[in-house]
Amino acid sequence: MERNQVVAFQDRDVLSGLHPPLTPETTKNEFFVTMDKPIKRYRDLLDDWENKGWRINSEEVRKNQKTHAYAIPSPARRRSKGWVLDSIPLIKHNFEENYFISVTFSYDLTS
């Protein structure tokens, strides 16, 4: 645990002064080293889930947080109607746009 804590503090010290403070939406302009492989894999999984239309519309949820409660979508919600809570709002997936990005990303990896 002590070694992990040292590494965490080192990361904190380096990252605290970085701008922008948030991770970019895409990995297009990022540089990954070997040790970043788990992070890169996680980001790829997020992209896959978003491409399936599974990204929560956080802005909509935040806007309605004082007046709405939401449920996580599930197969049961598709089979039967009459649920009391609405499904959590999701960001609509643009298949054409993501298809183009996907082709471009694959091309960049092989060149």
PDB file of N, CA and C in Angstrom:
ATOM      1  N   MET A   1       0.835  -1.193   0.000  1.00  0.00           N
ATOM      2  CA  MET A   1       0.000   0.000   0.000  1.00  0.00           C
ATOM      3  C   MET A   1       0.871   1.246   0.000  1.00  0.00           C
ATOM      4  N   GLU A   2       1.984   1.211   0.690  1.00  0.00           N
ATOM      5  CA  GLU A   2       2.840   2.384   0.784  1.00  0.00           C
ATOM      6  C   GLU A   2       3.348   2.809  -0.598  1.00  0.00           C
ATOM      7  N   ARG A   3       3.775   1.845  -1.422  1.00  0.00           N
ATOM      8  CA  ARG A   3       4.261   2.152  -2.770  1.00  0.00           C
ATOM      9  C   ARG A   3       3.146   2.766  -3.624  1.00  0.00           C
ATOM     10  N   ASN A   4       1.959   2.206  -3.529  1.00  0.00           N
ATOM     11  CA  ASN A   4       0.826   2.750  -4.281  1.00  0.00           C
ATOM     12  C   ASN A   4       0.517   4.185  -3.864  1.00  0.00           C
ATOM     13  N   GLN A   5       0.650   4.443  -2.589  1.00  0.00           N
ATOM     14  CA  GLN A   5       0.385   5.789  -2.090  1.00  0.00           C
ATOM     15  C   GLN A   5       1.428   6.771  -2.627  1.00  0.00           C
ATOM     16  N   VAL A   6       2.677   6.357  -2.681  1.00  0.00           N
ATOM     17  CA  VAL A   6       3.739   7.207  -3.231  1.00  0.00           C
ATOM     18  C   VAL A   6       3.430   7.543  -4.682  1.00  0.00           C
ATOM     19  N   VAL A   7       3.072   6.526  -5.460  1.00  0.00           N
ATOM     20  CA  VAL A   7       2.749   6.737  -6.870  1.00  0.00           C
ATOM     21  C   VAL A   7       1.533   7.656  -7.005  1.00  0.00           C
ATOM     22  N   ALA A   8       0.509   7.446  -6.190  1.00  0.00           N
ATOM     23  CA  ALA A   8      -0.687   8.288  -6.240  1.00  0.00           C
ATOM     24  C   ALA A   8      -0.343   9.741  -5.937  1.00  0.00           C
ATOM     25  N   PHE A   9       0.517   9.977  -4.957  1.00  0.00           N
ATOM     26  CA  PHE A   9       0.913  11.347  -4.636  1.00  0.00           C
ATOM     27  C   PHE A   9       1.732  11.960  -5.769  1.00  0.00           C
ATOM     28  N   GLN A  10       2.580  11.174  -6.401  1.00  0.00           N
ATOM     29  CA  GLN A  10       3.339  11.676  -7.546  1.00  0.00           C
ATOM     30  C   GLN A  10       2.393  12.077  -8.673  1.00  0.00           C
ATOM     31  N   ASP A  11       1.429  11.211  -8.957  1.00  0.00           N
ATOM     32  CA  ASP A  11       0.443  11.529  -9.991  1.00  0.00           C
ATOM     33  C   ASP A  11      -0.324  12.796  -9.641  1.00  0.00           C
ATOM     34  N   ARG A  12      -0.743  12.893  -8.395  1.00  0.00           N
ATOM     35  CA  ARG A  12      -1.491  14.075  -7.953  1.00  0.00           C
ATOM     36  C   ARG A  12      -0.678  15.343  -8.172  1.00  0.00           C
ATOM     37  N   ASP A  13       0.609  15.297  -7.797  1.00  0.00           N
ATOM     38  CA  ASP A  13       1.457  16.479  -7.931  1.00  0.00           C
ATOM     39  C   ASP A  13       1.635  16.896  -9.385  1.00  0.00           C
ATOM     40  N   VAL A  14       1.764  15.925 -10.276  1.00  0.00           N
ATOM     41  CA  VAL A  14       1.928  16.229 -11.697  1.00  0.00           C
ATOM     42  C   VAL A  14       0.610  16.719 -12.292  1.00  0.00           C
ATOM     43  N   LEU A  15      -0.478  16.041 -11.980  1.00  0.00           N
ATOM     44  CA  LEU A  15      -1.764  16.336 -12.602  1.00  0.00           C
ATOM     45  C   LEU A  15      -2.429  17.607 -12.081  1.00  0.00           C
ATOM     46  N   SER A  16      -2.116  18.019 -10.873  1.00  0.00           N
ATOM     47  CA  SER A  16      -2.803  19.168 -10.288  1.00  0.00           C
ATOM     48  C   SER A  16      -2.582  20.455 -11.081  1.00  0.00           C
ATOM     49  N   GLY A  17      -1.464  20.572 -11.804  1.00  0.00           N
ATOM     50  CA  GLY A  17      -1.200  21.785 -12.568  1.00  0.00           C
ATOM     51  C   GLY A  17      -1.511  21.674 -14.050  1.00  0.00           C
ATOM     52  N   LEU A  18      -2.051  20.547 -14.489  1.00  0.00           N
ATOM     53  CA  LEU A  18      -2.321  20.355 -15.911  1.00  0.00           C
ATOM     54  C   LEU A  18      -3.575  21.086 -16.363  1.00  0.00           C
ATOM     55  N   HIS A  19      -3.511  21.546 -17.593  1.00  0.00           N
ATOM     56  CA  HIS A  19      -4.671  22.176 -18.225  1.00  0.00           C
ATOM     57  C   HIS A  19      -4.812  21.598 -19.611  1.00  0.00           C
ATOM     58  N   PRO A  20      -5.973  21.224 -20.073  1.00  0.00           N
ATOM     59  CA  PRO A  20      -7.236  21.284 -19.342  1.00  0.00           C
ATOM     60  C   PRO A  20      -7.311  20.221 -18.261  1.00  0.00           C
ATOM     61  N   PRO A  21      -8.096  20.462 -17.233  1.00  0.00           N
ATOM     62  CA  PRO A  21      -8.158  19.511 -16.114  1.00  0.00           C
ATOM     63  C   PRO A  21      -8.963  18.243 -16.422  1.00  0.00           C
ATOM     64  N   LEU A  22      -9.794  18.257 -17.446  1.00  0.00           N
ATOM     65  CA  LEU A  22     -10.621  17.093 -17.779  1.00  0.00           C
ATOM     66  C   LEU A  22     -10.012  16.306 -18.932  1.00  0.00           C
ATOM     67  N   THR A  23     -10.319  15.021 -18.969  1.00  0.00           N
ATOM     68  CA  THR A  23      -9.858  14.157 -20.043  1.00  0.00           C
ATOM     69  C   THR A  23     -10.597  14.529 -21.327  1.00  0.00           C
ATOM     70  N   PRO A  24      -9.899  14.586 -22.457  1.00  0.00           N
ATOM     71  CA  PRO A  24     -10.571  14.909 -23.725  1.00  0.00           C
ATOM     72  C   PRO A  24     -11.630  13.872 -24.076  1.00  0.00           C
ATOM     73  N   GLU A  25     -12.593  14.265 -24.910  1.00  0.00           N
ATOM     74  CA  GLU A  25     -13.670  13.361 -25.332  1.00  0.00           C
ATOM     75  C   GLU A  25     -13.139  12.182 -26.142  1.00  0.00           C
ATOM     76  N   THR A  26     -12.085  12.382 -26.918  1.00  0.00           N
ATOM     77  CA  THR A  26     -11.520  11.308 -27.740  1.00  0.00           C
ATOM     78  C   THR A  26     -10.040  11.140 -27.421  1.00  0.00           C
ATOM     79  N   THR A  27      -9.472  10.032 -27.836  1.00  0.00           N
ATOM     80  CA  THR A  27      -8.045   9.781 -27.616  1.00  0.00           C
ATOM     81  C   THR A  27      -7.209  10.208 -28.820  1.00  0.00           C
ATOM     82  N   LYS A  28      -7.845  10.850 -29.779  1.00  0.00           N
ATOM     83  CA  LYS A  28      -7.187  11.216 -31.040  1.00  0.00           C
ATOM     84  C   LYS A  28      -5.880  12.000 -30.837  1.00  0.00           C
ATOM     85  N   ASN A  29      -5.871  12.931 -29.912  1.00  0.00           N
ATOM     86  CA  ASN A  29      -4.701  13.785 -29.703  1.00  0.00           C
ATOM     87  C   ASN A  29      -3.943  13.449 -28.423  1.00  0.00           C
ATOM     88  N   GLU A  30      -4.050  12.203 -27.983  1.00  0.00           N
ATOM     89  CA  GLU A  30      -3.350  11.792 -26.771  1.00  0.00           C
ATOM     90  C   GLU A  30      -2.207  10.855 -27.112  1.00  0.00           C
ATOM     91  N   PHE A  31      -1.221  10.856 -26.255  1.00  0.00           N
ATOM     92  CA  PHE A  31      -0.077   9.964 -26.401  1.00  0.00           C
ATOM     93  C   PHE A  31      -0.100   8.990 -25.234  1.00  0.00           C
ATOM     94  N   PHE A  32      -0.124   7.691 -25.557  1.00  0.00           N
ATOM     95  CA  PHE A  32      -0.156   6.663 -24.529  1.00  0.00           C
ATOM     96  C   PHE A  32       1.164   5.898 -24.515  1.00  0.00           C
ATOM     97  N   VAL A  33       1.677   5.652 -23.323  1.00  0.00           N
ATOM     98  CA  VAL A  33       2.861   4.811 -23.160  1.00  0.00           C
ATOM     99  C   VAL A  33       2.390   3.428 -22.709  1.00  0.00           C
ATOM    100  N   THR A  34       3.287   2.485 -22.648  1.00  0.00           N
ATOM    101  CA  THR A  34       2.943   1.104 -22.311  1.00  0.00           C
ATOM    102  C   THR A  34       2.149   1.009 -21.010  1.00  0.00           C
ATOM    103  N   MET A  35       2.531   1.776 -20.016  1.00  0.00           N
ATOM    104  CA  MET A  35       1.852   1.717 -18.719  1.00  0.00           C
ATOM    105  C   MET A  35       0.418   2.259 -18.780  1.00  0.00           C
ATOM    106  N   ASP A  36       0.072   2.944 -19.862  1.00  0.00           N
ATOM    107  CA  ASP A  36      -1.272   3.492 -20.021  1.00  0.00           C
ATOM    108  C   ASP A  36      -2.247   2.503 -20.653  1.00  0.00           C
ATOM    109  N   LYS A  37      -1.801   1.276 -20.918  1.00  0.00           N
ATOM    110  CA  LYS A  37      -2.639   0.306 -21.612  1.00  0.00           C
ATOM    111  C   LYS A  37      -4.000   0.093 -20.933  1.00  0.00           C
ATOM    112  N   PRO A  38      -4.067  -0.061 -19.603  1.00  0.00           N
ATOM    113  CA  PRO A  38      -5.393  -0.217 -18.969  1.00  0.00           C
ATOM    114  C   PRO A  38      -6.292   1.006 -19.162  1.00  0.00           C
ATOM    115  N   ILE A  39      -5.703   2.180 -19.113  1.00  0.00           N
ATOM    116  CA  ILE A  39      -6.481   3.404 -19.304  1.00  0.00           C
ATOM    117  C   ILE A  39      -7.000   3.470 -20.733  1.00  0.00           C
ATOM    118  N   LYS A  40      -6.143   3.147 -21.681  1.00  0.00           N
ATOM    119  CA  LYS A  40      -6.533   3.151 -23.093  1.00  0.00           C
ATOM    120  C   LYS A  40      -7.649   2.140 -23.328  1.00  0.00           C
ATOM    121  N   ARG A  41      -7.553   0.962 -22.745  1.00  0.00           N
ATOM    122  CA  ARG A  41      -8.585  -0.069 -22.896  1.00  0.00           C
ATOM    123  C   ARG A  41      -9.914   0.412 -22.319  1.00  0.00           C
ATOM    124  N   TYR A  42      -9.864   1.043 -21.161  1.00  0.00           N
ATOM    125  CA  TYR A  42     -11.077   1.568 -20.541  1.00  0.00           C
ATOM    126  C   TYR A  42     -11.715   2.630 -21.438  1.00  0.00           C
ATOM    127  N   ARG A  43     -10.898   3.525 -21.974  1.00  0.00           N
ATOM    128  CA  ARG A  43     -11.421   4.573 -22.862  1.00  0.00           C
ATOM    129  C   ARG A  43     -12.029   3.965 -24.119  1.00  0.00           C
ATOM    130  N   ASP A  44     -11.416   2.902 -24.642  1.00  0.00           N
ATOM    131  CA  ASP A  44     -11.977   2.199 -25.806  1.00  0.00           C
ATOM    132  C   ASP A  44     -13.332   1.575 -25.465  1.00  0.00           C
ATOM    133  N   LEU A  45     -13.441   1.005 -24.267  1.00  0.00           N
ATOM    134  CA  LEU A  45     -14.719   0.443 -23.830  1.00  0.00           C
ATOM    135  C   LEU A  45     -15.789   1.529 -23.734  1.00  0.00           C
ATOM    136  N   LEU A  46     -15.426   2.689 -23.193  1.00  0.00           N
ATOM    137  CA  LEU A  46     -16.369   3.803 -23.126  1.00  0.00           C
ATOM    138  C   LEU A  46     -16.858   4.192 -24.515  1.00  0.00           C
ATOM    139  N   ASP A  47     -15.933   4.235 -25.472  1.00  0.00           N
ATOM    140  CA  ASP A  47     -16.313   4.551 -26.851  1.00  0.00           C
ATOM    141  C   ASP A  47     -17.274   3.505 -27.410  1.00  0.00           C
ATOM    142  N   ASP A  48     -16.986   2.231 -27.152  1.00  0.00           N
ATOM    143  CA  ASP A  48     -17.872   1.158 -27.628  1.00  0.00           C
ATOM    144  C   ASP A  48     -19.273   1.306 -27.039  1.00  0.00           C
ATOM    145  N   TRP A  49     -19.346   1.579 -25.754  1.00  0.00           N
ATOM    146  CA  TRP A  49     -20.647   1.730 -25.097  1.00  0.00           C
ATOM    147  C   TRP A  49     -21.391   2.943 -25.650  1.00  0.00           C
ATOM    148  N   GLU A  50     -20.663   4.023 -25.877  1.00  0.00           N
ATOM    149  CA  GLU A  50     -21.299   5.211 -26.443  1.00  0.00           C
ATOM    150  C   GLU A  50     -21.819   4.913 -27.849  1.00  0.00           C
ATOM    151  N   ASN A  51     -21.059   4.171 -28.632  1.00  0.00           N
ATOM    152  CA  ASN A  51     -21.486   3.811 -29.981  1.00  0.00           C
ATOM    153  C   ASN A  51     -22.745   2.947 -29.964  1.00  0.00           C
ATOM    154  N   LYS A  52     -22.989   2.248 -28.868  1.00  0.00           N
ATOM    155  CA  LYS A  52     -24.200   1.437 -28.725  1.00  0.00           C
ATOM    156  C   LYS A  52     -25.383   2.277 -28.211  1.00  0.00           C
ATOM    157  N   GLY A  53     -25.125   3.553 -27.932  1.00  0.00           N
ATOM    158  CA  GLY A  53     -26.186   4.423 -27.434  1.00  0.00           C
ATOM    159  C   GLY A  53     -26.390   4.333 -25.942  1.00  0.00           C
ATOM    160  N   TRP A  54     -25.384   3.908 -25.213  1.00  0.00           N
ATOM    161  CA  TRP A  54     -25.515   3.693 -23.776  1.00  0.00           C
ATOM    162  C   TRP A  54     -24.944   4.836 -22.928  1.00  0.00           C
ATOM    163  N   ARG A  55     -24.620   5.971 -23.519  1.00  0.00           N
ATOM    164  CA  ARG A  55     -24.061   7.081 -22.738  1.00  0.00           C
ATOM    165  C   ARG A  55     -25.194   7.910 -22.128  1.00  0.00           C
ATOM    166  N   ILE A  56     -25.120   8.095 -20.832  1.00  0.00           N
ATOM    167  CA  ILE A  56     -26.140   8.864 -20.109  1.00  0.00           C
ATOM    168  C   ILE A  56     -25.998  10.341 -20.455  1.00  0.00           C
ATOM    169  N   ASN A  57     -27.134  11.000 -20.682  1.00  0.00           N
ATOM    170  CA  ASN A  57     -27.153  12.428 -20.951  1.00  0.00           C
ATOM    171  C   ASN A  57     -27.075  13.154 -19.608  1.00  0.00           C
ATOM    172  N   SER A  58     -25.867  13.362 -19.139  1.00  0.00           N
ATOM    173  CA  SER A  58     -25.639  13.942 -17.807  1.00  0.00           C
ATOM    174  C   SER A  58     -26.206  15.344 -17.676  1.00  0.00           C
ATOM    175  N   GLU A  59     -26.163  16.113 -18.760  1.00  0.00           N
ATOM    176  CA  GLU A  59     -26.712  17.475 -18.704  1.00  0.00           C
ATOM    177  C   GLU A  59     -28.216  17.442 -18.423  1.00  0.00           C
ATOM    178  N   GLU A  60     -28.919  16.546 -19.101  1.00  0.00           N
ATOM    179  CA  GLU A  60     -30.360  16.413 -18.890  1.00  0.00           C
ATOM    180  C   GLU A  60     -30.665  15.951 -17.466  1.00  0.00           C
ATOM    181  N   VAL A  61     -29.894  14.992 -16.981  1.00  0.00           N
ATOM    182  CA  VAL A  61     -30.088  14.500 -15.609  1.00  0.00           C
ATOM    183  C   VAL A  61     -29.830  15.623 -14.608  1.00  0.00           C
ATOM    184  N   ARG A  62     -28.742  16.356 -14.812  1.00  0.00           N
ATOM    185  CA  ARG A  62     -28.408  17.464 -13.902  1.00  0.00           C
ATOM    186  C   ARG A  62     -29.510  18.535 -13.923  1.00  0.00           C
ATOM    187  N   LYS A  63     -30.016  18.843 -15.122  1.00  0.00           N
ATOM    188  CA  LYS A  63     -31.057  19.862 -15.256  1.00  0.00           C
ATOM    189  C   LYS A  63     -32.320  19.483 -14.485  1.00  0.00           C
ATOM    190  N   ASN A  64     -32.626  18.184 -14.428  1.00  0.00           N
ATOM    191  CA  ASN A  64     -33.859  17.715 -13.786  1.00  0.00           C
ATOM    192  C   ASN A  64     -33.646  17.091 -12.413  1.00  0.00           C
ATOM    193  N   GLN A  65     -32.474  17.241 -11.836  1.00  0.00           N
ATOM    194  CA  GLN A  65     -32.147  16.499 -10.616  1.00  0.00           C
ATOM    195  C   GLN A  65     -33.056  16.807  -9.431  1.00  0.00           C
ATOM    196  N   LYS A  66     -33.663  17.965  -9.399  1.00  0.00           N
ATOM    197  CA  LYS A  66     -34.527  18.298  -8.261  1.00  0.00           C
ATOM    198  C   LYS A  66     -35.975  17.887  -8.472  1.00  0.00           C
ATOM    199  N   THR A  67     -36.320  17.488  -9.699  1.00  0.00           N
ATOM    200  CA  THR A  67     -37.724  17.182  -9.979  1.00  0.00           C
ATOM    201  C   THR A  67     -37.958  15.785 -10.550  1.00  0.00           C
ATOM    202  N   HIS A  68     -36.892  15.064 -10.907  1.00  0.00           N
ATOM    203  CA  HIS A  68     -37.061  13.749 -11.542  1.00  0.00           C
ATOM    204  C   HIS A  68     -36.170  12.697 -10.892  1.00  0.00           C
ATOM    205  N   ALA A  69     -36.697  11.500 -10.856  1.00  0.00           N
ATOM    206  CA  ALA A  69     -35.895  10.329 -10.506  1.00  0.00           C
ATOM    207  C   ALA A  69     -35.936   9.421 -11.733  1.00  0.00           C
ATOM    208  N   TYR A  70     -34.834   8.766 -12.016  1.00  0.00           N
ATOM    209  CA  TYR A  70     -34.741   7.930 -13.214  1.00  0.00           C
ATOM    210  C   TYR A  70     -34.369   6.499 -12.847  1.00  0.00           C
ATOM    211  N   ALA A  71     -34.704   5.593 -13.745  1.00  0.00           N
ATOM    212  CA  ALA A  71     -34.320   4.192 -13.609  1.00  0.00           C
ATOM    213  C   ALA A  71     -33.337   3.863 -14.727  1.00  0.00           C
ATOM    214  N   ILE A  72     -32.455   2.925 -14.462  1.00  0.00           N
ATOM    215  CA  ILE A  72     -31.516   2.461 -15.473  1.00  0.00           C
ATOM    216  C   ILE A  72     -32.275   1.580 -16.463  1.00  0.00           C
ATOM    217  N   PRO A  73     -32.123   1.811 -17.776  1.00  0.00           N
ATOM    218  CA  PRO A  73     -32.813   0.969 -18.762  1.00  0.00           C
ATOM    219  C   PRO A  73     -32.419  -0.497 -18.598  1.00  0.00           C
ATOM    220  N   SER A  74     -33.384  -1.369 -18.862  1.00  0.00           N
ATOM    221  CA  SER A  74     -33.132  -2.806 -18.755  1.00  0.00           C
ATOM    222  C   SER A  74     -34.006  -3.540 -19.761  1.00  0.00           C
ATOM    223  N   PRO A  75     -33.692  -4.801 -20.038  1.00  0.00           N
ATOM    224  CA  PRO A  75     -34.541  -5.570 -20.956  1.00  0.00           C
ATOM    225  C   PRO A  75     -35.999  -5.636 -20.495  1.00  0.00           C
ATOM    226  N   ALA A  76     -36.231  -5.696 -19.196  1.00  0.00           N
ATOM    227  CA  ALA A  76     -37.606  -5.772 -18.683  1.00  0.00           C
ATOM    228  C   ALA A  76     -38.408  -4.531 -19.063  1.00  0.00           C
ATOM    229  N   ARG A  77     -37.769  -3.387 -19.137  1.00  0.00           N
ATOM    230  CA  ARG A  77     -38.464  -2.148 -19.511  1.00  0.00           C
ATOM    231  C   ARG A  77     -38.920  -2.206 -20.966  1.00  0.00           C
ATOM    232  N   ARG A  78     -38.194  -2.954 -21.801  1.00  0.00           N
ATOM    233  CA  ARG A  78     -38.600  -3.083 -23.201  1.00  0.00           C
ATOM    234  C   ARG A  78     -39.774  -4.062 -23.349  1.00  0.00           C
ATOM    235  N   ARG A  79     -39.846  -5.048 -22.474  1.00  0.00           N
ATOM    236  CA  ARG A  79     -40.879  -6.089 -22.579  1.00  0.00           C
ATOM    237  C   ARG A  79     -42.237  -5.641 -22.044  1.00  0.00           C
ATOM    238  N   SER A  80     -42.240  -4.784 -21.042  1.00  0.00           N
ATOM    239  CA  SER A  80     -43.522  -4.369 -20.464  1.00  0.00           C
ATOM    240  C   SER A  80     -43.545  -2.862 -20.258  1.00  0.00           C
ATOM    241  N   LYS A  81     -44.751  -2.318 -20.280  1.00  0.00           N
ATOM    242  CA  LYS A  81     -44.942  -0.875 -20.133  1.00  0.00           C
ATOM    243  C   LYS A  81     -45.513  -0.567 -18.751  1.00  0.00           C
ATOM    244  N   GLY A  82     -45.668   0.715 -18.465  1.00  0.00           N
ATOM    245  CA  GLY A  82     -46.302   1.115 -17.221  1.00  0.00           C
ATOM    246  C   GLY A  82     -45.339   1.350 -16.070  1.00  0.00           C
ATOM    247  N   TRP A  83     -44.085   1.576 -16.364  1.00  0.00           N
ATOM    248  CA  TRP A  83     -43.115   1.828 -15.306  1.00  0.00           C
ATOM    249  C   TRP A  83     -43.354   3.207 -14.710  1.00  0.00           C
ATOM    250  N   VAL A  84     -43.193   3.328 -13.410  1.00  0.00           N
ATOM    251  CA  VAL A  84     -43.412   4.596 -12.719  1.00  0.00           C
ATOM    252  C   VAL A  84     -42.310   5.589 -13.053  1.00  0.00           C
ATOM    253  N   LEU A  85     -41.076   5.139 -13.036  1.00  0.00           N
ATOM    254  CA  LEU A  85     -39.947   6.023 -13.324  1.00  0.00           C
ATOM    255  C   LEU A  85     -39.575   5.952 -14.803  1.00  0.00           C
ATOM    256  N   ASP A  86     -39.240   7.117 -15.351  1.00  0.00           N
ATOM    257  CA  ASP A  86     -38.719   7.152 -16.723  1.00  0.00           C
ATOM    258  C   ASP A  86     -37.322   6.558 -16.751  1.00  0.00           C
ATOM    259  N   SER A  87     -36.938   6.041 -17.910  1.00  0.00           N
ATOM    260  CA  SER A  87     -35.545   5.597 -18.093  1.00  0.00           C
ATOM    261  C   SER A  87     -34.641   6.821 -18.069  1.00  0.00           C
ATOM    262  N   ILE A  88     -33.453   6.636 -17.590  1.00  0.00           N
ATOM    263  CA  ILE A  88     -32.500   7.737 -17.569  1.00  0.00           C
ATOM    264  C   ILE A  88     -32.244   8.195 -19.003  1.00  0.00           C
ATOM    265  N   PRO A  89     -32.176   9.496 -19.248  1.00  0.00           N
ATOM    266  CA  PRO A  89     -31.973   9.975 -20.615  1.00  0.00           C
ATOM    267  C   PRO A  89     -30.594   9.557 -21.147  1.00  0.00           C
ATOM    268  N   LEU A  90     -30.592   9.102 -22.383  1.00  0.00           N
ATOM    269  CA  LEU A  90     -29.352   8.692 -23.040  1.00  0.00           C
ATOM    270  C   LEU A  90     -29.068   9.621 -24.203  1.00  0.00           C
ATOM    271  N   ILE A  91     -27.799   9.748 -24.546  1.00  0.00           N
ATOM    272  CA  ILE A  91     -27.410  10.550 -25.700  1.00  0.00           C
ATOM    273  C   ILE A  91     -27.669   9.724 -26.950  1.00  0.00           C
ATOM    274  N   LYS A  92     -28.394  10.311 -27.883  1.00  0.00           N
ATOM    275  CA  LYS A  92     -28.704   9.613 -29.123  1.00  0.00           C
ATOM    276  C   LYS A  92     -27.411   9.358 -29.898  1.00  0.00           C
ATOM    277  N   HIS A  93     -27.320   8.182 -30.450  1.00  0.00           N
ATOM    278  CA  HIS A  93     -26.135   7.765 -31.184  1.00  0.00           C
ATOM    279  C   HIS A  93     -26.272   8.161 -32.652  1.00  0.00           C
ATOM    280  N   ASN A  94     -25.226   8.777 -33.214  1.00  0.00           N
ATOM    281  CA  ASN A  94     -25.206   9.133 -34.626  1.00  0.00           C
ATOM    282  C   ASN A  94     -24.355   8.102 -35.352  1.00  0.00           C
ATOM    283  N   PHE A  95     -24.983   7.084 -35.925  1.00  0.00           N
ATOM    284  CA  PHE A  95     -24.262   5.976 -36.542  1.00  0.00           C
ATOM    285  C   PHE A  95     -23.364   6.432 -37.681  1.00  0.00           C
ATOM    286  N   GLU A  96     -23.853   7.316 -38.554  1.00  0.00           N
ATOM    287  CA  GLU A  96     -23.053   7.747 -39.698  1.00  0.00           C
ATOM    288  C   GLU A  96     -21.792   8.467 -39.243  1.00  0.00           C
ATOM    289  N   GLU A  97     -21.928   9.374 -38.295  1.00  0.00           N
ATOM    290  CA  GLU A  97     -20.776  10.126 -37.808  1.00  0.00           C
ATOM    291  C   GLU A  97     -19.754   9.193 -37.175  1.00  0.00           C
ATOM    292  N   ASN A  98     -20.199   8.278 -36.317  1.00  0.00           N
ATOM    293  CA  ASN A  98     -19.279   7.376 -35.648  1.00  0.00           C
ATOM    294  C   ASN A  98     -18.669   6.361 -36.606  1.00  0.00           C
ATOM    295  N   TYR A  99     -19.392   5.994 -37.656  1.00  0.00           N
ATOM    296  CA  TYR A  99     -18.829   5.093 -38.648  1.00  0.00           C
ATOM    297  C   TYR A  99     -17.629   5.765 -39.293  1.00  0.00           C
ATOM    298  N   PHE A 100     -17.773   7.024 -39.660  1.00  0.00           N
ATOM    299  CA  PHE A 100     -16.672   7.758 -40.275  1.00  0.00           C
ATOM    300  C   PHE A 100     -15.487   7.865 -39.319  1.00  0.00           C
ATOM    301  N   ILE A 101     -15.757   8.204 -38.080  1.00  0.00           N
ATOM    302  CA  ILE A 101     -14.688   8.317 -37.092  1.00  0.00           C
ATOM    303  C   ILE A 101     -13.995   6.971 -36.904  1.00  0.00           C
ATOM    304  N   SER A 102     -14.777   5.913 -36.838  1.00  0.00           N
ATOM    305  CA  SER A 102     -14.228   4.580 -36.645  1.00  0.00           C
ATOM    306  C   SER A 102     -13.297   4.205 -37.787  1.00  0.00           C
ATOM    307  N   VAL A 103     -13.698   4.470 -39.012  1.00  0.00           N
ATOM    308  CA  VAL A 103     -12.864   4.153 -40.164  1.00  0.00           C
ATOM    309  C   VAL A 103     -11.588   4.968 -40.114  1.00  0.00           C
ATOM    310  N   THR A 104     -11.703   6.246 -39.792  1.00  0.00           N
ATOM    311  CA  THR A 104     -10.526   7.105 -39.720  1.00  0.00           C
ATOM    312  C   THR A 104      -9.594   6.615 -38.614  1.00  0.00           C
ATOM    313  N   PHE A 105     -10.150   6.267 -37.440  1.00  0.00           N
ATOM    314  CA  PHE A 105      -9.322   5.813 -36.315  1.00  0.00           C
ATOM    315  C   PHE A 105      -8.590   4.535 -36.673  1.00  0.00           C
ATOM    316  N   SER A 106      -9.274   3.586 -37.310  1.00  0.00           N
ATOM    317  CA  SER A 106      -8.633   2.336 -37.704  1.00  0.00           C
ATOM    318  C   SER A 106      -7.514   2.594 -38.693  1.00  0.00           C
ATOM    319  N   TYR A 107      -7.745   3.494 -39.609  1.00  0.00           N
ATOM    320  CA  TYR A 107      -6.744   3.829 -40.610  1.00  0.00           C
ATOM    321  C   TYR A 107      -5.497   4.409 -39.935  1.00  0.00           C
ATOM    322  N   ASP A 108      -5.714   5.309 -38.966  1.00  0.00           N
ATOM    323  CA  ASP A 108      -4.586   5.926 -38.278  1.00  0.00           C
ATOM    324  C   ASP A 108      -3.754   4.907 -37.507  1.00  0.00           C
ATOM    325  N   LEU A 109      -4.388   3.896 -36.965  1.00  0.00           N
ATOM    326  CA  LEU A 109      -3.664   2.887 -36.196  1.00  0.00           C
ATOM    327  C   LEU A 109      -2.804   1.995 -37.083  1.00  0.00           C
ATOM    328  N   THR A 110      -3.215   1.759 -38.320  1.00  0.00           N
ATOM    329  CA  THR A 110      -2.483   0.844 -39.191  1.00  0.00           C
ATOM    330  C   THR A 110      -1.410   1.543 -40.012  1.00  0.00           C
ATOM    331  N   SER A 111      -1.429   2.859 -40.075  1.00  0.00           N
ATOM    332  CA  SER A 111      -0.435   3.557 -40.912  1.00  0.00           C
ATOM    333  C   SER A 111       0.811   3.901 -40.141  1.00  0.00           C
TER     334      SER A 111
END
